[in-house]
Amino acid sequence: MNEKETMLTTAKRLDAVQAPILKTELMKLLDEGHDNLVIDMKNTTYVSSVGLRAFLAAQKRINEKKGSMVLKNVSQQVMEVFDITGFSGLLTFEEL
């Protein structure tokens, strides 16, 4: 991570309770000019459709700003959700 990247760590479960919190945090960072985000998902074991939409909304904003968002430390279980839903083609993941 370089000094221009902003790190954010996700909750254990990105469900109907936690995903809106994540989306709010992501949008706040983008509004504040943090255009290069690194999302550490080491603690995350579950991502619901609401969680997927939070990432998609942030990615759309980042694309508009010509920034970047990288998801790292994604468990195999969570990566399967991204793969099955097609989100693995829309988001950037750090290779382990």
PDB file of N, CA and C in Angstrom:
ATOM      1  N   MET A   1       0.859  -1.192   0.000  1.00  0.00           N
ATOM      2  CA  MET A   1       0.000   0.000   0.000  1.00  0.00           C
ATOM      3  C   MET A   1       0.889   1.234   0.000  1.00  0.00           C
ATOM      4  N   ASN A   2       0.591   2.194  -0.878  1.00  0.00           N
ATOM      5  CA  ASN A   2       1.365   3.430  -0.873  1.00  0.00           C
ATOM      6  C   ASN A   2       0.604   4.517  -0.128  1.00  0.00           C
ATOM      7  N   GLU A   3       1.236   5.686   0.022  1.00  0.00           N
ATOM      8  CA  GLU A   3       0.631   6.737   0.842  1.00  0.00           C
ATOM      9  C   GLU A   3      -0.644   7.323   0.247  1.00  0.00           C
ATOM     10  N   LYS A   4      -0.910   7.080  -1.017  1.00  0.00           N
ATOM     11  CA  LYS A   4      -2.114   7.616  -1.641  1.00  0.00           C
ATOM     12  C   LYS A   4      -3.295   6.659  -1.559  1.00  0.00           C
ATOM     13  N   GLU A   5      -3.071   5.466  -1.000  1.00  0.00           N
ATOM     14  CA  GLU A   5      -4.144   4.497  -0.847  1.00  0.00           C
ATOM     15  C   GLU A   5      -4.744   4.600   0.548  1.00  0.00           C
ATOM     16  N   THR A   6      -6.037   4.370   0.620  1.00  0.00           N
ATOM     17  CA  THR A   6      -6.745   4.383   1.891  1.00  0.00           C
ATOM     18  C   THR A   6      -7.229   2.971   2.189  1.00  0.00           C
ATOM     19  N   MET A   7      -6.905   2.488   3.383  1.00  0.00           N
ATOM     20  CA  MET A   7      -7.262   1.115   3.785  1.00  0.00           C
ATOM     21  C   MET A   7      -8.546   1.128   4.610  1.00  0.00           C
ATOM     22  N   LEU A   8      -9.399   0.154   4.341  1.00  0.00           N
ATOM     23  CA  LEU A   8     -10.626  -0.041   5.098  1.00  0.00           C
ATOM     24  C   LEU A   8     -10.779  -1.542   5.332  1.00  0.00           C
ATOM     25  N   THR A   9     -11.091  -1.929   6.556  1.00  0.00           N
ATOM     26  CA  THR A   9     -11.290  -3.340   6.888  1.00  0.00           C
ATOM     27  C   THR A   9     -12.782  -3.597   7.047  1.00  0.00           C
ATOM     28  N   THR A  10     -13.258  -4.669   6.422  1.00  0.00           N
ATOM     29  CA  THR A  10     -14.682  -4.986   6.455  1.00  0.00           C
ATOM     30  C   THR A  10     -15.051  -5.822   7.684  1.00  0.00           C
ATOM     31  N   ALA A  11     -16.340  -5.835   7.978  1.00  0.00           N
ATOM     32  CA  ALA A  11     -16.892  -6.591   9.107  1.00  0.00           C
ATOM     33  C   ALA A  11     -16.907  -8.090   8.780  1.00  0.00           C
ATOM     34  N   LYS A  12     -17.189  -8.888   9.782  1.00  0.00           N
ATOM     35  CA  LYS A  12     -17.258 -10.344   9.597  1.00  0.00           C
ATOM     36  C   LYS A  12     -18.355 -10.722   8.612  1.00  0.00           C
ATOM     37  N   ARG A  13     -19.517 -10.105   8.758  1.00  0.00           N
ATOM     38  CA  ARG A  13     -20.648 -10.391   7.875  1.00  0.00           C
ATOM     39  C   ARG A  13     -21.098  -9.101   7.202  1.00  0.00           C
ATOM     40  N   LEU A  14     -21.095  -9.091   5.867  1.00  0.00           N
ATOM     41  CA  LEU A  14     -21.614  -7.943   5.129  1.00  0.00           C
ATOM     42  C   LEU A  14     -23.048  -8.278   4.743  1.00  0.00           C
ATOM     43  N   ASP A  15     -23.932  -8.092   5.726  1.00  0.00           N
ATOM     44  CA  ASP A  15     -25.342  -8.453   5.588  1.00  0.00           C
ATOM     45  C   ASP A  15     -26.191  -7.184   5.595  1.00  0.00           C
ATOM     46  N   ALA A  16     -27.482  -7.347   5.797  1.00  0.00           N
ATOM     47  CA  ALA A  16     -28.411  -6.211   5.760  1.00  0.00           C
ATOM     48  C   ALA A  16     -28.111  -5.173   6.835  1.00  0.00           C
ATOM     49  N   VAL A  17     -27.401  -5.561   7.892  1.00  0.00           N
ATOM     50  CA  VAL A  17     -27.034  -4.622   8.952  1.00  0.00           C
ATOM     51  C   VAL A  17     -25.700  -3.942   8.632  1.00  0.00           C
ATOM     52  N   GLN A  18     -24.688  -4.732   8.309  1.00  0.00           N
ATOM     53  CA  GLN A  18     -23.337  -4.193   8.130  1.00  0.00           C
ATOM     54  C   GLN A  18     -23.077  -3.589   6.748  1.00  0.00           C
ATOM     55  N   ALA A  19     -23.701  -4.104   5.707  1.00  0.00           N
ATOM     56  CA  ALA A  19     -23.434  -3.608   4.356  1.00  0.00           C
ATOM     57  C   ALA A  19     -23.768  -2.124   4.182  1.00  0.00           C
ATOM     58  N   PRO A  20     -24.907  -1.629   4.714  1.00  0.00           N
ATOM     59  CA  PRO A  20     -25.169  -0.197   4.589  1.00  0.00           C
ATOM     60  C   PRO A  20     -24.115   0.661   5.307  1.00  0.00           C
ATOM     61  N   ILE A  21     -23.576   0.150   6.401  1.00  0.00           N
ATOM     62  CA  ILE A  21     -22.511   0.858   7.109  1.00  0.00           C
ATOM     63  C   ILE A  21     -21.272   0.927   6.224  1.00  0.00           C
ATOM     64  N   LEU A  22     -20.936  -0.204   5.596  1.00  0.00           N
ATOM     65  CA  LEU A  22     -19.800  -0.229   4.677  1.00  0.00           C
ATOM     66  C   LEU A  22     -20.010   0.753   3.534  1.00  0.00           C
ATOM     67  N   LYS A  23     -21.191   0.741   2.938  1.00  0.00           N
ATOM     68  CA  LYS A  23     -21.466   1.649   1.812  1.00  0.00           C
ATOM     69  C   LYS A  23     -21.310   3.102   2.244  1.00  0.00           C
ATOM     70  N   THR A  24     -21.822   3.441   3.413  1.00  0.00           N
ATOM     71  CA  THR A  24     -21.691   4.809   3.925  1.00  0.00           C
ATOM     72  C   THR A  24     -20.221   5.175   4.101  1.00  0.00           C
ATOM     73  N   GLU A  25     -19.426   4.267   4.675  1.00  0.00           N
ATOM     74  CA  GLU A  25     -17.998   4.530   4.872  1.00  0.00           C
ATOM     75  C   GLU A  25     -17.284   4.708   3.535  1.00  0.00           C
ATOM     76  N   LEU A  26     -17.583   3.847   2.569  1.00  0.00           N
ATOM     77  CA  LEU A  26     -16.953   3.949   1.260  1.00  0.00           C
ATOM     78  C   LEU A  26     -17.302   5.270   0.578  1.00  0.00           C
ATOM     79  N   MET A  27     -18.572   5.635   0.599  1.00  0.00           N
ATOM     80  CA  MET A  27     -18.998   6.877  -0.056  1.00  0.00           C
ATOM     81  C   MET A  27     -18.393   8.101   0.634  1.00  0.00           C
ATOM     82  N   LYS A  28     -18.281   8.050   1.961  1.00  0.00           N
ATOM     83  CA  LYS A  28     -17.668   9.154   2.694  1.00  0.00           C
ATOM     84  C   LYS A  28     -16.206   9.317   2.285  1.00  0.00           C
ATOM     85  N   LEU A  29     -15.487   8.209   2.212  1.00  0.00           N
ATOM     86  CA  LEU A  29     -14.085   8.269   1.788  1.00  0.00           C
ATOM     87  C   LEU A  29     -13.968   8.850   0.378  1.00  0.00           C
ATOM     88  N   LEU A  30     -14.836   8.404  -0.524  1.00  0.00           N
ATOM     89  CA  LEU A  30     -14.801   8.918  -1.896  1.00  0.00           C
ATOM     90  C   LEU A  30     -15.150  10.401  -1.940  1.00  0.00           C
ATOM     91  N   ASP A  31     -16.131  10.817  -1.150  1.00  0.00           N
ATOM     92  CA  ASP A  31     -16.501  12.234  -1.078  1.00  0.00           C
ATOM     93  C   ASP A  31     -15.354  13.093  -0.554  1.00  0.00           C
ATOM     94  N   GLU A  32     -14.537  12.505   0.320  1.00  0.00           N
ATOM     95  CA  GLU A  32     -13.401  13.224   0.897  1.00  0.00           C
ATOM     96  C   GLU A  32     -12.174  13.212  -0.024  1.00  0.00           C
ATOM     97  N   GLY A  33     -12.297  12.598  -1.196  1.00  0.00           N
ATOM     98  CA  GLY A  33     -11.204  12.614  -2.155  1.00  0.00           C
ATOM     99  C   GLY A  33     -10.275  11.416  -2.112  1.00  0.00           C
ATOM    100  N   HIS A  34     -10.634  10.395  -1.351  1.00  0.00           N
ATOM    101  CA  HIS A  34      -9.838   9.162  -1.315  1.00  0.00           C
ATOM    102  C   HIS A  34     -10.257   8.310  -2.515  1.00  0.00           C
ATOM    103  N   ASP A  35      -9.492   8.385  -3.591  1.00  0.00           N
ATOM    104  CA  ASP A  35      -9.883   7.731  -4.839  1.00  0.00           C
ATOM    105  C   ASP A  35      -9.224   6.377  -5.057  1.00  0.00           C
ATOM    106  N   ASN A  36      -8.316   5.986  -4.169  1.00  0.00           N
ATOM    107  CA  ASN A  36      -7.622   4.702  -4.289  1.00  0.00           C
ATOM    108  C   ASN A  36      -7.798   3.942  -2.987  1.00  0.00           C
ATOM    109  N   LEU A  37      -8.733   2.995  -3.011  1.00  0.00           N
ATOM    110  CA  LEU A  37      -9.097   2.277  -1.796  1.00  0.00           C
ATOM    111  C   LEU A  37      -8.574   0.844  -1.813  1.00  0.00           C
ATOM    112  N   VAL A  38      -8.132   0.396  -0.651  1.00  0.00           N
ATOM    113  CA  VAL A  38      -7.760  -0.991  -0.445  1.00  0.00           C
ATOM    114  C   VAL A  38      -8.701  -1.526   0.628  1.00  0.00           C
ATOM    115  N   ILE A  39      -9.468  -2.537   0.283  1.00  0.00           N
ATOM    116  CA  ILE A  39     -10.453  -3.107   1.195  1.00  0.00           C
ATOM    117  C   ILE A  39      -9.908  -4.435   1.705  1.00  0.00           C
ATOM    118  N   ASP A  40      -9.611  -4.482   2.991  1.00  0.00           N
ATOM    119  CA  ASP A  40      -9.081  -5.703   3.601  1.00  0.00           C
ATOM    120  C   ASP A  40     -10.258  -6.521   4.118  1.00  0.00           C
ATOM    121  N   MET A  41     -10.451  -7.685   3.520  1.00  0.00           N
ATOM    122  CA  MET A  41     -11.591  -8.541   3.862  1.00  0.00           C
ATOM    123  C   MET A  41     -11.177  -9.751   4.692  1.00  0.00           C
ATOM    124  N   LYS A  42     -10.066  -9.650   5.414  1.00  0.00           N
ATOM    125  CA  LYS A  42      -9.548 -10.794   6.176  1.00  0.00           C
ATOM    126  C   LYS A  42     -10.537 -11.315   7.204  1.00  0.00           C
ATOM    127  N   ASN A  43     -11.408 -10.465   7.732  1.00  0.00           N
ATOM    128  CA  ASN A  43     -12.364 -10.880   8.758  1.00  0.00           C
ATOM    129  C   ASN A  43     -13.707 -11.331   8.185  1.00  0.00           C
ATOM    130  N   THR A  44     -13.929 -11.112   6.896  1.00  0.00           N
ATOM    131  CA  THR A  44     -15.246 -11.322   6.301  1.00  0.00           C
ATOM    132  C   THR A  44     -15.458 -12.779   5.890  1.00  0.00           C
ATOM    133  N   THR A  45     -16.563 -13.343   6.387  1.00  0.00           N
ATOM    134  CA  THR A  45     -16.899 -14.734   6.065  1.00  0.00           C
ATOM    135  C   THR A  45     -18.205 -14.845   5.280  1.00  0.00           C
ATOM    136  N   TYR A  46     -18.930 -13.732   5.120  1.00  0.00           N
ATOM    137  CA  TYR A  46     -20.231 -13.769   4.460  1.00  0.00           C
ATOM    138  C   TYR A  46     -20.500 -12.435   3.786  1.00  0.00           C
ATOM    139  N   VAL A  47     -20.975 -12.490   2.542  1.00  0.00           N
ATOM    140  CA  VAL A  47     -21.381 -11.283   1.818  1.00  0.00           C
ATOM    141  C   VAL A  47     -22.756 -11.535   1.220  1.00  0.00           C
ATOM    142  N   SER A  48     -23.722 -10.703   1.601  1.00  0.00           N
ATOM    143  CA  SER A  48     -25.084 -10.821   1.059  1.00  0.00           C
ATOM    144  C   SER A  48     -25.202  -9.971  -0.203  1.00  0.00           C
ATOM    145  N   SER A  49     -26.373 -10.011  -0.812  1.00  0.00           N
ATOM    146  CA  SER A  49     -26.607  -9.188  -2.005  1.00  0.00           C
ATOM    147  C   SER A  49     -26.486  -7.705  -1.682  1.00  0.00           C
ATOM    148  N   VAL A  50     -26.833  -7.319  -0.465  1.00  0.00           N
ATOM    149  CA  VAL A  50     -26.692  -5.916  -0.055  1.00  0.00           C
ATOM    150  C   VAL A  50     -25.211  -5.548   0.009  1.00  0.00           C
ATOM    151  N   GLY A  51     -24.391  -6.465   0.467  1.00  0.00           N
ATOM    152  CA  GLY A  51     -22.948  -6.236   0.497  1.00  0.00           C
ATOM    153  C   GLY A  51     -22.379  -6.108  -0.904  1.00  0.00           C
ATOM    154  N   LEU A  52     -22.835  -6.960  -1.801  1.00  0.00           N
ATOM    155  CA  LEU A  52     -22.390  -6.871  -3.190  1.00  0.00           C
ATOM    156  C   LEU A  52     -22.757  -5.526  -3.798  1.00  0.00           C
ATOM    157  N   ARG A  53     -23.956  -5.044  -3.517  1.00  0.00           N
ATOM    158  CA  ARG A  53     -24.386  -3.743  -4.049  1.00  0.00           C
ATOM    159  C   ARG A  53     -23.557  -2.596  -3.488  1.00  0.00           C
ATOM    160  N   ALA A  54     -23.099  -2.714  -2.246  1.00  0.00           N
ATOM    161  CA  ALA A  54     -22.248  -1.674  -1.662  1.00  0.00           C
ATOM    162  C   ALA A  54     -20.937  -1.581  -2.444  1.00  0.00           C
ATOM    163  N   PHE A  55     -20.351  -2.735  -2.758  1.00  0.00           N
ATOM    164  CA  PHE A  55     -19.116  -2.731  -3.545  1.00  0.00           C
ATOM    165  C   PHE A  55     -19.358  -2.192  -4.955  1.00  0.00           C
ATOM    166  N   LEU A  56     -20.474  -2.568  -5.566  1.00  0.00           N
ATOM    167  CA  LEU A  56     -20.775  -2.115  -6.916  1.00  0.00           C
ATOM    168  C   LEU A  56     -20.961  -0.597  -6.961  1.00  0.00           C
ATOM    169  N   ALA A  57     -21.676  -0.053  -5.982  1.00  0.00           N
ATOM    170  CA  ALA A  57     -21.891   1.396  -5.935  1.00  0.00           C
ATOM    171  C   ALA A  57     -20.556   2.130  -5.788  1.00  0.00           C
ATOM    172  N   ALA A  58     -19.688   1.615  -4.931  1.00  0.00           N
ATOM    173  CA  ALA A  58     -18.373   2.245  -4.745  1.00  0.00           C
ATOM    174  C   ALA A  58     -17.549   2.128  -6.019  1.00  0.00           C
ATOM    175  N   GLN A  59     -17.589   0.973  -6.680  1.00  0.00           N
ATOM    176  CA  GLN A  59     -16.807   0.788  -7.903  1.00  0.00           C
ATOM    177  C   GLN A  59     -17.266   1.745  -8.998  1.00  0.00           C
ATOM    178  N   LYS A  60     -18.566   1.974  -9.111  1.00  0.00           N
ATOM    179  CA  LYS A  60     -19.082   2.920 -10.108  1.00  0.00           C
ATOM    180  C   LYS A  60     -18.540   4.318  -9.856  1.00  0.00           C
ATOM    181  N   ARG A  61     -18.551   4.750  -8.593  1.00  0.00           N
ATOM    182  CA  ARG A  61     -18.022   6.074  -8.250  1.00  0.00           C
ATOM    183  C   ARG A  61     -16.525   6.157  -8.521  1.00  0.00           C
ATOM    184  N   ILE A  62     -15.809   5.099  -8.192  1.00  0.00           N
ATOM    185  CA  ILE A  62     -14.361   5.078  -8.405  1.00  0.00           C
ATOM    186  C   ILE A  62     -14.046   5.134  -9.900  1.00  0.00           C
ATOM    187  N   ASN A  63     -14.817   4.423 -10.712  1.00  0.00           N
ATOM    188  CA  ASN A  63     -14.607   4.476 -12.158  1.00  0.00           C
ATOM    189  C   ASN A  63     -14.789   5.892 -12.682  1.00  0.00           C
ATOM    190  N   GLU A  64     -15.789   6.596 -12.170  1.00  0.00           N
ATOM    191  CA  GLU A  64     -16.026   7.983 -12.579  1.00  0.00           C
ATOM    192  C   GLU A  64     -14.849   8.877 -12.209  1.00  0.00           C
ATOM    193  N   LYS A  65     -14.221   8.595 -11.070  1.00  0.00           N
ATOM    194  CA  LYS A  65     -13.107   9.413 -10.580  1.00  0.00           C
ATOM    195  C   LYS A  65     -11.752   8.945 -11.112  1.00  0.00           C
ATOM    196  N   LYS A  66     -11.764   7.870 -11.912  1.00  0.00           N
ATOM    197  CA  LYS A  66     -10.517   7.288 -12.439  1.00  0.00           C
ATOM    198  C   LYS A  66      -9.603   6.813 -11.311  1.00  0.00           C
ATOM    199  N   GLY A  67     -10.207   6.297 -10.254  1.00  0.00           N
ATOM    200  CA  GLY A  67      -9.445   5.778  -9.119  1.00  0.00           C
ATOM    201  C   GLY A  67      -9.372   4.269  -9.162  1.00  0.00           C
ATOM    202  N   SER A  68      -9.116   3.676  -7.994  1.00  0.00           N
ATOM    203  CA  SER A  68      -9.022   2.220  -7.926  1.00  0.00           C
ATOM    204  C   SER A  68      -9.540   1.716  -6.585  1.00  0.00           C
ATOM    205  N   MET A  69     -10.051   0.503  -6.610  1.00  0.00           N
ATOM    206  CA  MET A  69     -10.458  -0.183  -5.391  1.00  0.00           C
ATOM    207  C   MET A  69      -9.993  -1.627  -5.527  1.00  0.00           C
ATOM    208  N   VAL A  70      -9.220  -2.077  -4.568  1.00  0.00           N
ATOM    209  CA  VAL A  70      -8.695  -3.437  -4.570  1.00  0.00           C
ATOM    210  C   VAL A  70      -9.180  -4.141  -3.316  1.00  0.00           C
ATOM    211  N   LEU A  71      -9.767  -5.316  -3.497  1.00  0.00           N
ATOM    212  CA  LEU A  71     -10.189  -6.148  -2.370  1.00  0.00           C
ATOM    213  C   LEU A  71      -9.092  -7.167  -2.109  1.00  0.00           C
ATOM    214  N   LYS A  72      -8.630  -7.238  -0.869  1.00  0.00           N
ATOM    215  CA  LYS A  72      -7.552  -8.176  -0.546  1.00  0.00           C
ATOM    216  C   LYS A  72      -7.951  -9.074   0.607  1.00  0.00           C
ATOM    217  N   ASN A  73      -7.224 -10.172   0.732  1.00  0.00           N
ATOM    218  CA  ASN A  73      -7.476 -11.159   1.786  1.00  0.00           C
ATOM    219  C   ASN A  73      -8.907 -11.696   1.740  1.00  0.00           C
ATOM    220  N   VAL A  74      -9.390 -11.952   0.537  1.00  0.00           N
ATOM    221  CA  VAL A  74     -10.742 -12.485   0.351  1.00  0.00           C
ATOM    222  C   VAL A  74     -10.681 -14.006   0.516  1.00  0.00           C
ATOM    223  N   SER A  75     -11.485 -14.535   1.432  1.00  0.00           N
ATOM    224  CA  SER A  75     -11.491 -15.982   1.665  1.00  0.00           C
ATOM    225  C   SER A  75     -12.054 -16.701   0.445  1.00  0.00           C
ATOM    226  N   GLN A  76     -11.736 -17.974   0.330  1.00  0.00           N
ATOM    227  CA  GLN A  76     -12.239 -18.775  -0.787  1.00  0.00           C
ATOM    228  C   GLN A  76     -13.768 -18.809  -0.778  1.00  0.00           C
ATOM    229  N   GLN A  77     -14.344 -18.919   0.405  1.00  0.00           N
ATOM    230  CA  GLN A  77     -15.807 -18.959   0.558  1.00  0.00           C
ATOM    231  C   GLN A  77     -16.452 -17.688   0.023  1.00  0.00           C
ATOM    232  N   VAL A  78     -15.886 -16.539   0.375  1.00  0.00           N
ATOM    233  CA  VAL A  78     -16.433 -15.262  -0.081  1.00  0.00           C
ATOM    234  C   VAL A  78     -16.149 -15.071  -1.572  1.00  0.00           C
ATOM    235  N   MET A  79     -14.969 -15.500  -2.032  1.00  0.00           N
ATOM    236  CA  MET A  79     -14.631 -15.368  -3.451  1.00  0.00           C
ATOM    237  C   MET A  79     -15.607 -16.137  -4.313  1.00  0.00           C
ATOM    238  N   GLU A  80     -16.091 -17.269  -3.818  1.00  0.00           N
ATOM    239  CA  GLU A  80     -17.087 -18.044  -4.554  1.00  0.00           C
ATOM    240  C   GLU A  80     -18.359 -17.227  -4.785  1.00  0.00           C
ATOM    241  N   VAL A  81     -18.742 -16.415  -3.806  1.00  0.00           N
ATOM    242  CA  VAL A  81     -19.921 -15.553  -3.959  1.00  0.00           C
ATOM    243  C   VAL A  81     -19.667 -14.536  -5.070  1.00  0.00           C
ATOM    244  N   PHE A  82     -18.481 -13.929  -5.070  1.00  0.00           N
ATOM    245  CA  PHE A  82     -18.141 -12.972  -6.131  1.00  0.00           C
ATOM    246  C   PHE A  82     -18.130 -13.660  -7.495  1.00  0.00           C
ATOM    247  N   ASP A  83     -17.606 -14.880  -7.558  1.00  0.00           N
ATOM    248  CA  ASP A  83     -17.543 -15.609  -8.825  1.00  0.00           C
ATOM    249  C   ASP A  83     -18.933 -15.981  -9.333  1.00  0.00           C
ATOM    250  N   ILE A  84     -19.755 -16.561  -8.463  1.00  0.00           N
ATOM    251  CA  ILE A  84     -21.090 -17.030  -8.856  1.00  0.00           C
ATOM    252  C   ILE A  84     -21.968 -15.874  -9.340  1.00  0.00           C
ATOM    253  N   THR A  85     -21.824 -14.711  -8.703  1.00  0.00           N
ATOM    254  CA  THR A  85     -22.659 -13.563  -9.051  1.00  0.00           C
ATOM    255  C   THR A  85     -22.095 -12.743 -10.211  1.00  0.00           C
ATOM    256  N   GLY A  86     -20.883 -13.071 -10.648  1.00  0.00           N
ATOM    257  CA  GLY A  86     -20.264 -12.316 -11.734  1.00  0.00           C
ATOM    258  C   GLY A  86     -19.516 -11.081 -11.279  1.00  0.00           C
ATOM    259  N   PHE A  87     -19.496 -10.820  -9.983  1.00  0.00           N
ATOM    260  CA  PHE A  87     -18.828  -9.634  -9.468  1.00  0.00           C
ATOM    261  C   PHE A  87     -17.313  -9.733  -9.564  1.00  0.00           C
ATOM    262  N   SER A  88     -16.788 -10.959  -9.693  1.00  0.00           N
ATOM    263  CA  SER A  88     -15.335 -11.105  -9.800  1.00  0.00           C
ATOM    264  C   SER A  88     -14.815 -10.470 -11.086  1.00  0.00           C
ATOM    265  N   GLY A  89     -15.677 -10.304 -12.077  1.00  0.00           N
ATOM    266  CA  GLY A  89     -15.297  -9.623 -13.305  1.00  0.00           C
ATOM    267  C   GLY A  89     -15.444  -8.121 -13.245  1.00  0.00           C
ATOM    268  N   LEU A  90     -16.113  -7.626 -12.209  1.00  0.00           N
ATOM    269  CA  LEU A  90     -16.353  -6.177 -12.085  1.00  0.00           C
ATOM    270  C   LEU A  90     -15.428  -5.509 -11.085  1.00  0.00           C
ATOM    271  N   LEU A  91     -14.888  -6.289 -10.170  1.00  0.00           N
ATOM    272  CA  LEU A  91     -14.051  -5.754  -9.085  1.00  0.00           C
ATOM    273  C   LEU A  91     -12.616  -6.245  -9.263  1.00  0.00           C
ATOM    274  N   THR A  92     -11.693  -5.582  -8.567  1.00  0.00           N
ATOM    275  CA  THR A  92     -10.289  -5.951  -8.619  1.00  0.00           C
ATOM    276  C   THR A  92      -9.907  -6.617  -7.315  1.00  0.00           C
ATOM    277  N   PHE A  93      -9.222  -7.749  -7.422  1.00  0.00           N
ATOM    278  CA  PHE A  93      -8.819  -8.511  -6.253  1.00  0.00           C
ATOM    279  C   PHE A  93      -7.297  -8.637  -6.213  1.00  0.00           C
ATOM    280  N   GLU A  94      -6.745  -8.536  -5.037  1.00  0.00           N
ATOM    281  CA  GLU A  94      -5.316  -8.773  -4.875  1.00  0.00           C
ATOM    282  C   GLU A  94      -5.083 -10.268  -4.836  1.00  0.00           C
ATOM    283  N   GLU A  95      -4.170 -10.717  -5.652  1.00  0.00           N
ATOM    284  CA  GLU A  95      -3.846 -12.143  -5.695  1.00  0.00           C
ATOM    285  C   GLU A  95      -3.126 -12.538  -4.427  1.00  0.00           C
ATOM    286  N   LEU A  96      -3.450 -13.697  -3.887  1.00  0.00           N
ATOM    287  CA  LEU A  96      -2.784 -14.198  -2.685  1.00  0.00           C
ATOM    288  C   LEU A  96      -1.492 -14.878  -3.035  1.00  0.00           C
TER     289      LEU A  96
END
